[in-house]
Amino acid sequence: QVQLVESGGGLVQPGGSLRLSCAASGFTFSSYYMSWVRQAPGKGLEWVSEINSGGGSTYYADSVKGRFTGSRDNAKNTLYLQMNSLKPKETALYYCTASQGSWGRGHQVTVTS
């Protein structure tokens, strides 16, 4: 069955960096756009980034532009999000999603001193 499994989150100080990964299985990963969405405590869902199926085009929310970089390795069926200069308000559950409607379970990122 379709699975999206995020990893790489955790605790980081403000200004620090993390790289999230999302391992995909059960569908033809290379055929679909992929996105990252986050949800801060007590807040709604916020779209963060999207990458096209081939990996040549990426799109970002204004709030992360210039600090986050999305990429993918279709040979490894894996999506990535490099997050730099992290801010405390970016503490959230980060979800990996596919354009065919699948979502991962989410992975916690906590930015705190």
C-alpha atoms as a PDB file:
ATOM      1  CA  GLN A   1       0.000   0.000   0.000  1.00  0.00           C
ATOM      2  CA  VAL A   2       1.004   3.635  -0.303  1.00  0.00           C
ATOM      3  CA  GLN A   3       3.361   4.810   2.423  1.00  0.00           C
ATOM      4  CA  LEU A   4       5.066   8.111   3.086  1.00  0.00           C
ATOM      5  CA  VAL A   5       7.446   8.067   6.053  1.00  0.00           C
ATOM      6  CA  GLU A   6       9.082  11.262   7.232  1.00  0.00           C
ATOM      7  CA  SER A   7      12.330  11.382   9.187  1.00  0.00           C
ATOM      8  CA  GLY A   8      15.133  13.748  10.111  1.00  0.00           C
ATOM      9  CA  GLY A   9      13.291  16.148  12.364  1.00  0.00           C
ATOM     10  CA  GLY A  10      14.021  16.821  15.996  1.00  0.00           C
ATOM     11  CA  LEU A  11      15.233  19.597  18.231  1.00  0.00           C
ATOM     12  CA  VAL A  12      17.306  22.482  16.916  1.00  0.00           C
ATOM     13  CA  GLN A  13      18.300  25.909  18.159  1.00  0.00           C
ATOM     14  CA  PRO A  14      17.069  29.061  16.438  1.00  0.00           C
ATOM     15  CA  GLY A  15      19.185  29.709  13.393  1.00  0.00           C
ATOM     16  CA  GLY A  16      20.031  26.047  13.050  1.00  0.00           C
ATOM     17  CA  SER A  17      19.418  23.618  10.220  1.00  0.00           C
ATOM     18  CA  LEU A  18      17.672  20.310   9.701  1.00  0.00           C
ATOM     19  CA  ARG A  19      17.041  18.120   6.705  1.00  0.00           C
ATOM     20  CA  LEU A  20      13.764  16.242   6.496  1.00  0.00           C
ATOM     21  CA  SER A  21      13.420  13.129   4.385  1.00  0.00           C
ATOM     22  CA  CYS A  22      10.305  11.362   3.163  1.00  0.00           C
ATOM     23  CA  ALA A  23      10.579   7.789   1.956  1.00  0.00           C
ATOM     24  CA  ALA A  24       7.809   6.817  -0.457  1.00  0.00           C
ATOM     25  CA  SER A  25       6.552   3.385  -1.406  1.00  0.00           C
ATOM     26  CA  GLY A  26       3.524   1.731  -2.960  1.00  0.00           C
ATOM     27  CA  PHE A  27       3.128   4.116  -5.898  1.00  0.00           C
ATOM     28  CA  THR A  28       5.127   5.469  -8.814  1.00  0.00           C
ATOM     29  CA  PHE A  29       6.914   8.229  -6.920  1.00  0.00           C
ATOM     30  CA  SER A  30       8.493   9.761 -10.009  1.00  0.00           C
ATOM     31  CA  SER A  31       5.078  10.460 -11.548  1.00  0.00           C
ATOM     32  CA  TYR A  32       3.788  12.794  -8.885  1.00  0.00           C
ATOM     33  CA  TYR A  33       4.361  16.250  -7.547  1.00  0.00           C
ATOM     34  CA  MET A  34       5.322  16.179  -3.878  1.00  0.00           C
ATOM     35  CA  SER A  35       4.782  18.747  -1.163  1.00  0.00           C
ATOM     36  CA  TRP A  36       5.665  19.578   2.401  1.00  0.00           C
ATOM     37  CA  VAL A  37       2.946  20.904   4.688  1.00  0.00           C
ATOM     38  CA  ARG A  38       3.306  21.850   8.344  1.00  0.00           C
ATOM     39  CA  GLN A  39       1.050  22.378  11.305  1.00  0.00           C
ATOM     40  CA  ALA A  40       2.171  24.404  14.281  1.00  0.00           C
ATOM     41  CA  PRO A  41       0.623  23.728  17.696  1.00  0.00           C
ATOM     42  CA  GLY A  42      -2.915  25.081  17.779  1.00  0.00           C
ATOM     43  CA  LYS A  43      -2.742  26.307  14.172  1.00  0.00           C
ATOM     44  CA  GLY A  44      -4.050  25.154  10.819  1.00  0.00           C
ATOM     45  CA  LEU A  45      -2.176  23.488   8.008  1.00  0.00           C
ATOM     46  CA  GLU A  46       0.373  25.604   6.170  1.00  0.00           C
ATOM     47  CA  TRP A  47       1.732  24.664   2.766  1.00  0.00           C
ATOM     48  CA  VAL A  48       5.527  24.989   2.758  1.00  0.00           C
ATOM     49  CA  SER A  49       6.977  23.704  -0.491  1.00  0.00           C
ATOM     50  CA  GLU A  50       6.210  21.754  -3.652  1.00  0.00           C
ATOM     51  CA  ILE A  51       8.403  20.043  -6.216  1.00  0.00           C
ATOM     52  CA  ASN A  52       7.402  18.783  -9.633  1.00  0.00           C
ATOM     53  CA  SER A  53       7.663  15.142 -10.614  1.00  0.00           C
ATOM     54  CA  GLY A  54      11.059  15.451 -12.269  1.00  0.00           C
ATOM     55  CA  GLY A  55      12.537  17.638  -9.563  1.00  0.00           C
ATOM     56  CA  GLY A  56      13.367  20.506 -11.872  1.00  0.00           C
ATOM     57  CA  SER A  57      10.877  22.993 -10.454  1.00  0.00           C
ATOM     58  CA  THR A  58      10.303  23.931  -6.837  1.00  0.00           C
ATOM     59  CA  TYR A  59       7.858  26.315  -5.215  1.00  0.00           C
ATOM     60  CA  TYR A  60       7.913  27.816  -1.737  1.00  0.00           C
ATOM     61  CA  ALA A  61       5.749  29.724   0.673  1.00  0.00           C
ATOM     62  CA  ASP A  62       6.972  33.290   1.050  1.00  0.00           C
ATOM     63  CA  SER A  63       7.717  32.600   4.705  1.00  0.00           C
ATOM     64  CA  VAL A  64      10.427  30.043   3.859  1.00  0.00           C
ATOM     65  CA  LYS A  65      11.740  31.310   0.532  1.00  0.00           C
ATOM     66  CA  GLY A  66      15.509  31.629   0.551  1.00  0.00           C
ATOM     67  CA  ARG A  67      15.911  29.431   3.628  1.00  0.00           C
ATOM     68  CA  PHE A  68      14.299  26.113   2.688  1.00  0.00           C
ATOM     69  CA  THR A  69      15.250  23.971  -0.287  1.00  0.00           C
ATOM     70  CA  GLY A  70      13.172  21.103  -1.589  1.00  0.00           C
ATOM     71  CA  SER A  71      14.629  18.270  -3.618  1.00  0.00           C
ATOM     72  CA  ARG A  72      13.939  14.675  -4.558  1.00  0.00           C
ATOM     73  CA  ASP A  73      15.765  11.560  -5.618  1.00  0.00           C
ATOM     74  CA  ASN A  74      13.452   9.567  -7.853  1.00  0.00           C
ATOM     75  CA  ALA A  75      15.898   6.664  -7.961  1.00  0.00           C
ATOM     76  CA  LYS A  76      15.567   6.364  -4.183  1.00  0.00           C
ATOM     77  CA  ASN A  77      11.864   7.315  -4.018  1.00  0.00           C
ATOM     78  CA  THR A  78      12.761   9.970  -1.483  1.00  0.00           C
ATOM     79  CA  LEU A  79      11.771  13.582  -0.974  1.00  0.00           C
ATOM     80  CA  TYR A  80      13.882  16.058   0.990  1.00  0.00           C
ATOM     81  CA  LEU A  81      13.504  19.425   2.638  1.00  0.00           C
ATOM     82  CA  GLN A  82      16.629  21.267   3.720  1.00  0.00           C
ATOM     83  CA  MET A  83      15.679  23.845   6.325  1.00  0.00           C
ATOM     84  CA  ASN A  84      18.149  26.567   7.276  1.00  0.00           C
ATOM     85  CA  SER A  85      17.931  29.537   9.623  1.00  0.00           C
ATOM     86  CA  LEU A  86      15.062  27.956  11.495  1.00  0.00           C
ATOM     87  CA  LYS A  87      12.845  30.105  13.714  1.00  0.00           C
ATOM     88  CA  PRO A  88      10.970  29.166  16.885  1.00  0.00           C
ATOM     89  CA  LYS A  89       7.637  29.868  15.176  1.00  0.00           C
ATOM     90  CA  GLU A  90       8.490  27.090  12.712  1.00  0.00           C
ATOM     91  CA  THR A  91       8.049  24.507  15.414  1.00  0.00           C
ATOM     92  CA  ALA A  92       5.480  22.185  13.878  1.00  0.00           C
ATOM     93  CA  LEU A  93       4.582  18.764  12.619  1.00  0.00           C
ATOM     94  CA  TYR A  94       5.927  18.527   9.083  1.00  0.00           C
ATOM     95  CA  TYR A  95       4.023  16.331   6.641  1.00  0.00           C
ATOM     96  CA  CYS A  96       5.071  14.924   3.328  1.00  0.00           C
ATOM     97  CA  THR A  97       2.251  14.724   0.780  1.00  0.00           C
ATOM     98  CA  ALA A  98       1.859  13.397  -2.749  1.00  0.00           C
ATOM     99  CA  SER A  99      -0.317  14.922  -5.437  1.00  0.00           C
ATOM    100  CA  GLN A 100      -2.362  11.718  -5.646  1.00  0.00           C
ATOM    101  CA  GLY A 101      -3.634  12.521  -2.161  1.00  0.00           C
ATOM    102  CA  SER A 102      -1.422  10.524   0.176  1.00  0.00           C
ATOM    103  CA  TRP A 103      -0.011  11.964   3.378  1.00  0.00           C
ATOM    104  CA  GLY A 104       2.673  10.839   5.764  1.00  0.00           C
ATOM    105  CA  ARG A 105       2.116  10.682   9.511  1.00  0.00           C
ATOM    106  CA  GLY A 106       4.159  13.794  10.125  1.00  0.00           C
ATOM    107  CA  HIS A 107       7.459  14.424  11.861  1.00  0.00           C
ATOM    108  CA  GLN A 108       8.097  16.859  14.665  1.00  0.00           C
ATOM    109  CA  VAL A 109      10.468  19.782  14.265  1.00  0.00           C
ATOM    110  CA  THR A 110      11.085  21.829  17.400  1.00  0.00           C
ATOM    111  CA  VAL A 111      13.048  25.057  17.252  1.00  0.00           C
ATOM    112  CA  THR A 112      13.982  26.271  20.703  1.00  0.00           C
ATOM    113  CA  SER A 113      16.884  27.614  22.683  1.00  0.00           C
END
